[in-house]
PDB file of N, CA and C in Angstrom:
ATOM      1  N   MET A   1      22.404  17.320  17.553  1.00  0.00           N
ATOM      2  CA  MET A   1      22.952  18.639  17.672  1.00  0.00           C
ATOM      3  C   MET A   1      23.634  18.990  16.353  1.00  0.00           C
ATOM      4  N   LYS A   2      23.395  20.185  15.881  1.00  0.00           N
ATOM      5  CA  LYS A   2      24.072  20.645  14.671  1.00  0.00           C
ATOM      6  C   LYS A   2      25.323  21.422  15.065  1.00  0.00           C
ATOM      7  N   ILE A   3      26.395  21.180  14.326  1.00  0.00           N
ATOM      8  CA  ILE A   3      27.683  21.827  14.588  1.00  0.00           C
ATOM      9  C   ILE A   3      28.073  22.636  13.356  1.00  0.00           C
ATOM     10  N   LEU A   4      28.549  23.856  13.578  1.00  0.00           N
ATOM     11  CA  LEU A   4      29.044  24.697  12.497  1.00  0.00           C
ATOM     12  C   LEU A   4      30.554  24.842  12.666  1.00  0.00           C
ATOM     13  N   ALA A   5      31.307  24.431  11.668  1.00  0.00           N
ATOM     14  CA  ALA A   5      32.766  24.572  11.699  1.00  0.00           C
ATOM     15  C   ALA A   5      33.167  25.654  10.701  1.00  0.00           C
ATOM     16  N   ASP A   6      33.835  26.691  11.186  1.00  0.00           N
ATOM     17  CA  ASP A   6      34.247  27.755  10.274  1.00  0.00           C
ATOM     18  C   ASP A   6      35.530  27.371   9.533  1.00  0.00           C
ATOM     19  N   THR A   7      35.936  28.217   8.617  1.00  0.00           N
ATOM     20  CA  THR A   7      37.091  27.896   7.777  1.00  0.00           C
ATOM     21  C   THR A   7      38.385  27.791   8.581  1.00  0.00           C
ATOM     22  N   ASN A   8      38.499  28.530   9.680  1.00  0.00           N
ATOM     23  CA  ASN A   8      39.712  28.432  10.507  1.00  0.00           C
ATOM     24  C   ASN A   8      39.882  27.023  11.057  1.00  0.00           C
ATOM     25  N   ILE A   9      38.791  26.416  11.491  1.00  0.00           N
ATOM     26  CA  ILE A   9      38.849  25.047  12.013  1.00  0.00           C
ATOM     27  C   ILE A   9      39.220  24.083  10.891  1.00  0.00           C
ATOM     28  N   LEU A  10      38.595  24.238   9.737  1.00  0.00           N
ATOM     29  CA  LEU A  10      38.858  23.338   8.613  1.00  0.00           C
ATOM     30  C   LEU A  10      40.308  23.422   8.150  1.00  0.00           C
ATOM     31  N   ILE A  11      40.822  24.637   8.014  1.00  0.00           N
ATOM     32  CA  ILE A  11      42.207  24.819   7.559  1.00  0.00           C
ATOM     33  C   ILE A  11      43.189  24.291   8.604  1.00  0.00           C
ATOM     34  N   SER A  12      42.937  24.579   9.876  1.00  0.00           N
ATOM     35  CA  SER A  12      43.812  24.071  10.940  1.00  0.00           C
ATOM     36  C   SER A  12      43.825  22.553  10.959  1.00  0.00           C
ATOM     37  N   ALA A  13      42.664  21.947  10.768  1.00  0.00           N
ATOM     38  CA  ALA A  13      42.577  20.485  10.770  1.00  0.00           C
ATOM     39  C   ALA A  13      43.341  19.889   9.589  1.00  0.00           C
ATOM     40  N   LEU A  14      43.319  20.562   8.455  1.00  0.00           N
ATOM     41  CA  LEU A  14      44.045  20.061   7.286  1.00  0.00           C
ATOM     42  C   LEU A  14      45.556  20.236   7.430  1.00  0.00           C
ATOM     43  N   LEU A  15      45.975  21.370   7.969  1.00  0.00           N
ATOM     44  CA  LEU A  15      47.407  21.646   8.089  1.00  0.00           C
ATOM     45  C   LEU A  15      48.061  20.873   9.227  1.00  0.00           C
ATOM     46  N   TRP A  16      47.339  20.717  10.327  1.00  0.00           N
ATOM     47  CA  TRP A  16      47.875  20.031  11.508  1.00  0.00           C
ATOM     48  C   TRP A  16      46.894  18.933  11.929  1.00  0.00           C
ATOM     49  N   PRO A  17      47.013  17.738  11.349  1.00  0.00           N
ATOM     50  CA  PRO A  17      46.038  16.671  11.603  1.00  0.00           C
ATOM     51  C   PRO A  17      46.001  16.168  13.044  1.00  0.00           C
ATOM     52  N   ASN A  18      47.022  16.440  13.848  1.00  0.00           N
ATOM     53  CA  ASN A  18      47.021  15.993  15.247  1.00  0.00           C
ATOM     54  C   ASN A  18      46.664  17.111  16.221  1.00  0.00           C
ATOM     55  N   SER A  19      46.136  18.215  15.703  1.00  0.00           N
ATOM     56  CA  SER A  19      45.819  19.359  16.551  1.00  0.00           C
ATOM     57  C   SER A  19      44.457  19.195  17.223  1.00  0.00           C
ATOM     58  N   LYS A  20      44.188  20.063  18.192  1.00  0.00           N
ATOM     59  CA  LYS A  20      42.882  20.041  18.863  1.00  0.00           C
ATOM     60  C   LYS A  20      41.747  20.394  17.903  1.00  0.00           C
ATOM     61  N   PRO A  21      41.916  21.375  16.995  1.00  0.00           N
ATOM     62  CA  PRO A  21      40.842  21.615  16.030  1.00  0.00           C
ATOM     63  C   PRO A  21      40.536  20.393  15.168  1.00  0.00           C
ATOM     64  N   ALA A  22      41.565  19.648  14.786  1.00  0.00           N
ATOM     65  CA  ALA A  22      41.346  18.437  13.990  1.00  0.00           C
ATOM     66  C   ALA A  22      40.586  17.400  14.802  1.00  0.00           C
ATOM     67  N   ALA A  23      40.962  17.237  16.061  1.00  0.00           N
ATOM     68  CA  ALA A  23      40.267  16.276  16.922  1.00  0.00           C
ATOM     69  C   ALA A  23      38.815  16.691  17.130  1.00  0.00           C
ATOM     70  N   ALA A  24      38.583  17.981  17.319  1.00  0.00           N
ATOM     71  CA  ALA A  24      37.216  18.469  17.505  1.00  0.00           C
ATOM     72  C   ALA A  24      36.388  18.259  16.241  1.00  0.00           C
ATOM     73  N   LEU A  25      36.986  18.511  15.092  1.00  0.00           N
ATOM     74  CA  LEU A  25      36.274  18.325  13.833  1.00  0.00           C
ATOM     75  C   LEU A  25      35.943  16.856  13.604  1.00  0.00           C
ATOM     76  N   LEU A  26      36.881  15.970  13.872  1.00  0.00           N
ATOM     77  CA  LEU A  26      36.620  14.537  13.723  1.00  0.00           C
ATOM     78  C   LEU A  26      35.526  14.072  14.678  1.00  0.00           C
ATOM     79  N   HIS A  27      35.556  14.554  15.904  1.00  0.00           N
ATOM     80  CA  HIS A  27      34.524  14.188  16.876  1.00  0.00           C
ATOM     81  C   HIS A  27      33.155  14.681  16.405  1.00  0.00           C
ATOM     82  N   ALA A  28      33.108  15.924  15.942  1.00  0.00           N
ATOM     83  CA  ALA A  28      31.839  16.483  15.468  1.00  0.00           C
ATOM     84  C   ALA A  28      31.324  15.719  14.256  1.00  0.00           C
ATOM     85  N   ALA A  29      32.212  15.350  13.357  1.00  0.00           N
ATOM     86  CA  ALA A  29      31.795  14.623  12.153  1.00  0.00           C
ATOM     87  C   ALA A  29      31.283  13.229  12.491  1.00  0.00           C
ATOM     88  N   ARG A  30      31.859  12.613  13.500  1.00  0.00           N
ATOM     89  CA  ARG A  30      31.448  11.251  13.870  1.00  0.00           C
ATOM     90  C   ARG A  30      30.135  11.228  14.637  1.00  0.00           C
ATOM     91  N   TYR A  31      29.950  12.159  15.550  1.00  0.00           N
ATOM     92  CA  TYR A  31      28.854  12.054  16.507  1.00  0.00           C
ATOM     93  C   TYR A  31      27.748  13.093  16.349  1.00  0.00           C
ATOM     94  N   HIS A  32      27.913  14.037  15.441  1.00  0.00           N
ATOM     95  CA  HIS A  32      26.921  15.105  15.292  1.00  0.00           C
ATOM     96  C   HIS A  32      26.674  15.387  13.817  1.00  0.00           C
ATOM     97  N   GLU A  33      25.696  16.212  13.563  1.00  0.00           N
ATOM     98  CA  GLU A  33      25.371  16.620  12.196  1.00  0.00           C
ATOM     99  C   GLU A  33      26.090  17.928  11.894  1.00  0.00           C
ATOM    100  N   LEU A  34      26.856  17.929  10.810  1.00  0.00           N
ATOM    101  CA  LEU A  34      27.575  19.152  10.421  1.00  0.00           C
ATOM    102  C   LEU A  34      26.734  19.974   9.482  1.00  0.00           C
TER     103      LEU A  34
END
């Protein structure tokens, strides 16, 4: 499955590493193709 992460997700993940967007981004990076 291909996942598209927009800039809002990327910025949120960088600013708040324990947030849900960060967790979603890490999960997508580990288990899917970005």
